[in-house]
Amino acid sequence: MKKILLLSDTHSYIDDQILKYVDQADEVWHAGDIGHLKVTDAIQKKKPLIAVHGNIDDAKIRQEFPEHQRFFCEGVDVWITHIGGYPPKYNIRVKDEIKVNPPKLFICGHSHILKVMPDKKLGVLHMNPGAIGKHGFHTVRTMLRFTIDGNDIKDLEVVEMKR
């Protein structure tokens, strides 16, 4: 069983309030637009991190973190990317692969809009944690916590923070 903290769109922002939630997780997943390596360095000092770069990330971040991460967590096939769309309006970069080889959990960021929804046709659960940074149009900062236990994704919780 693993407790996951899922965040995105930090845009160079990290604080003690976010790190308090990092401390409570077994792993942290970041869905891009990191902004500055100080964010990922602070997380990695505390917990294992799986991250992807986003469209605002510079060459240093792109060198350290790929565009896509596809891996298994326990029995769950996970795919993380920054710009991925949502069911059934997947981004052209991922659309064909999702249809041919759908993961159980598809995660993206970019929109700054928290969204969790199933793709019943493909058997995929889509998650976008919204944005936890302070840059952008969002009025509430959000991230997600959940547990992966074998093949089950459970105990989903939305974490909201004031801007």
Protein backbone atom coordinates (compact mmCIF):
# COMPACT_ATOMS: atom_id res chain seq x y z
CA MET A 1 0.00 0.00 0.00
CA LYS A 2 1.29 3.47 -0.93
CA LYS A 3 0.02 6.90 0.01
CA ILE A 4 0.43 9.26 -2.94
CA LEU A 5 0.50 13.05 -2.97
CA LEU A 6 -0.28 14.32 -6.47
CA LEU A 7 0.48 17.90 -7.39
CA SER A 8 1.04 20.01 -10.46
CA ASP A 9 1.72 23.52 -11.64
CA THR A 10 3.86 24.68 -8.73
CA HIS A 11 5.37 27.38 -10.99
CA SER A 12 8.46 27.66 -8.69
CA TYR A 13 6.35 27.82 -5.51
CA ILE A 14 6.88 25.51 -2.52
CA ASP A 15 6.17 26.24 1.13
CA ASP A 16 5.94 24.53 4.52
CA GLN A 17 2.22 23.94 4.09
CA ILE A 18 2.81 21.86 0.94
CA LEU A 19 5.78 20.12 2.55
CA LYS A 20 3.58 19.13 5.51
CA TYR A 21 1.54 17.03 3.06
CA VAL A 22 4.73 15.70 1.45
CA ASP A 23 5.73 14.38 4.88
CA GLN A 24 2.46 12.42 5.13
CA ALA A 25 2.91 10.65 1.76
CA ASP A 26 4.97 7.64 0.77
CA GLU A 27 5.60 9.09 -2.71
CA VAL A 28 5.00 12.42 -4.43
CA TRP A 29 4.00 12.69 -8.07
CA HIS A 30 4.33 16.02 -9.92
CA ALA A 31 2.48 16.52 -13.21
CA GLY A 32 4.63 19.32 -14.62
CA ASP A 33 5.17 23.06 -14.70
CA ILE A 34 7.65 22.71 -11.88
CA GLY A 35 9.14 26.14 -12.55
CA HIS A 36 12.37 25.78 -10.59
CA LEU A 37 14.41 22.82 -9.37
CA LYS A 38 14.21 24.16 -5.81
CA VAL A 39 10.66 22.73 -5.77
CA THR A 40 11.67 19.20 -6.68
CA ASP A 41 14.83 19.40 -4.54
CA ALA A 42 12.73 20.26 -1.47
CA ILE A 43 10.38 17.36 -2.16
CA GLN A 44 13.18 14.87 -2.86
CA LYS A 45 14.86 15.69 0.45
CA LYS A 46 11.77 14.23 2.12
CA LYS A 47 10.20 11.60 -0.16
CA PRO A 48 10.63 9.74 -3.46
CA LEU A 49 9.44 11.83 -6.39
CA ILE A 50 8.15 10.93 -9.83
CA ALA A 51 7.76 14.00 -12.04
CA VAL A 52 7.41 15.21 -15.61
CA HIS A 53 8.31 18.56 -17.12
CA GLY A 54 5.70 21.00 -18.31
CA ASN A 55 5.48 23.62 -21.01
CA ILE A 56 6.94 26.41 -18.81
CA ASP A 57 9.91 24.35 -17.62
CA ASP A 58 13.41 25.25 -18.79
CA ALA A 59 16.15 23.06 -20.25
CA LYS A 60 17.55 22.11 -16.81
CA ILE A 61 14.19 20.78 -15.66
CA ARG A 62 13.58 19.06 -19.02
CA GLN A 63 16.95 17.36 -18.70
CA GLU A 64 16.06 16.00 -15.26
CA PHE A 65 12.39 15.11 -15.83
CA PRO A 66 10.89 13.57 -19.01
CA GLU A 67 7.70 14.57 -20.84
CA HIS A 68 6.03 11.27 -19.90
CA GLN A 69 6.36 8.83 -17.02
CA ARG A 70 4.74 5.41 -17.45
CA PHE A 71 5.19 2.98 -14.57
CA PHE A 72 3.46 0.57 -12.21
CA CYS A 73 2.64 1.51 -8.64
CA GLU A 74 1.68 -1.70 -6.90
CA GLY A 75 -0.72 -3.25 -9.47
CA VAL A 76 -1.77 0.03 -11.11
CA ASP A 77 -0.48 1.06 -14.55
CA VAL A 78 0.13 4.82 -14.27
CA TRP A 79 0.87 7.39 -16.98
CA ILE A 80 1.80 10.96 -16.03
CA THR A 81 2.24 13.77 -18.54
CA HIS A 82 1.69 17.51 -18.35
CA ILE A 83 -0.57 18.22 -21.31
CA GLY A 84 -2.89 15.27 -21.79
CA GLY A 85 -6.45 16.50 -22.02
CA TYR A 86 -9.24 14.50 -20.40
CA PRO A 87 -11.77 11.83 -21.38
CA PRO A 88 -12.74 11.71 -24.18
CA LYS A 89 -10.91 14.88 -25.32
CA TYR A 90 -7.35 13.63 -25.00
CA ASN A 91 -4.53 15.73 -26.41
CA ILE A 92 -3.28 14.67 -29.83
CA ARG A 93 0.13 13.80 -28.29
CA VAL A 94 -1.38 10.98 -26.22
CA LYS A 95 -4.69 10.13 -27.89
CA ASP A 96 -3.54 7.20 -30.05
CA GLU A 97 -1.44 5.56 -27.32
CA ILE A 98 -4.24 5.80 -24.76
CA LYS A 99 -6.62 4.07 -27.15
CA VAL A 100 -4.13 1.32 -28.03
CA ASN A 101 -2.59 0.81 -24.57
CA PRO A 102 -4.71 2.51 -21.90
CA PRO A 103 -3.25 2.88 -18.40
CA LYS A 104 -5.46 2.35 -15.37
CA LEU A 105 -4.57 5.83 -14.08
CA PHE A 106 -3.89 8.77 -16.43
CA ILE A 107 -2.59 11.94 -14.80
CA CYS A 108 -1.96 15.36 -16.26
CA GLY A 109 -1.76 18.99 -15.16
CA HIS A 110 -1.61 22.16 -17.27
CA SER A 111 -5.23 23.37 -17.04
CA HIS A 112 -5.04 24.50 -13.38
CA ILE A 113 -8.50 22.88 -13.07
CA LEU A 114 -8.91 20.04 -10.62
CA LYS A 115 -10.67 17.15 -12.32
CA VAL A 116 -11.13 13.46 -11.50
CA MET A 117 -13.21 11.47 -13.94
CA PRO A 118 -13.46 7.98 -15.38
CA ASP A 119 -13.19 7.05 -19.02
CA LYS A 120 -15.65 4.18 -18.89
CA LYS A 121 -15.03 3.23 -22.51
CA LEU A 122 -11.29 2.65 -21.96
CA GLY A 123 -11.35 1.74 -18.25
CA VAL A 124 -9.09 4.67 -17.36
CA LEU A 125 -9.30 6.92 -14.31
CA HIS A 126 -8.19 10.46 -15.17
CA MET A 127 -6.80 12.81 -12.52
CA ASN A 128 -5.71 16.42 -12.76
CA PRO A 129 -4.78 17.84 -9.34
CA GLY A 130 -5.28 21.45 -10.41
CA ALA A 131 -2.55 23.92 -9.47
CA ILE A 132 -0.81 24.22 -6.09
CA GLY A 133 1.37 27.18 -7.10
CA LYS A 134 0.36 30.82 -6.90
CA HIS A 135 0.79 31.68 -10.60
CA GLY A 136 -2.29 31.49 -12.82
CA PHE A 137 -6.00 32.23 -12.86
CA HIS A 138 -7.08 29.71 -10.21
CA THR A 139 -8.49 31.17 -6.98
CA VAL A 140 -8.01 28.05 -4.85
CA ARG A 141 -4.77 26.05 -4.85
CA THR A 142 -5.37 22.30 -4.99
CA MET A 143 -3.65 18.93 -4.89
CA LEU A 144 -4.82 15.33 -4.43
CA ARG A 145 -4.04 12.58 -1.95
CA PHE A 146 -4.97 8.95 -2.46
CA THR A 147 -3.87 5.42 -1.68
CA ILE A 148 -2.91 2.66 -4.07
CA ASP A 149 -3.44 -0.75 -2.52
CA GLY A 150 -2.70 -3.56 -4.94
CA ASN A 151 -4.97 -2.85 -7.91
CA ASP A 152 -7.20 -0.41 -6.01
CA ILE A 153 -7.08 3.38 -6.07
CA LYS A 154 -8.90 4.55 -2.96
CA ASP A 155 -9.20 7.14 -0.19
CA LEU A 156 -9.13 10.04 -2.66
CA GLU A 157 -8.96 13.41 -0.93
CA VAL A 158 -8.86 16.92 -2.36
CA VAL A 159 -6.54 19.30 -0.51
CA GLU A 160 -7.45 22.97 -0.90
CA MET A 161 -5.30 25.92 0.11
CA LYS A 162 -6.01 29.62 -0.03
CA ARG A 163 -4.23 31.57 -2.69
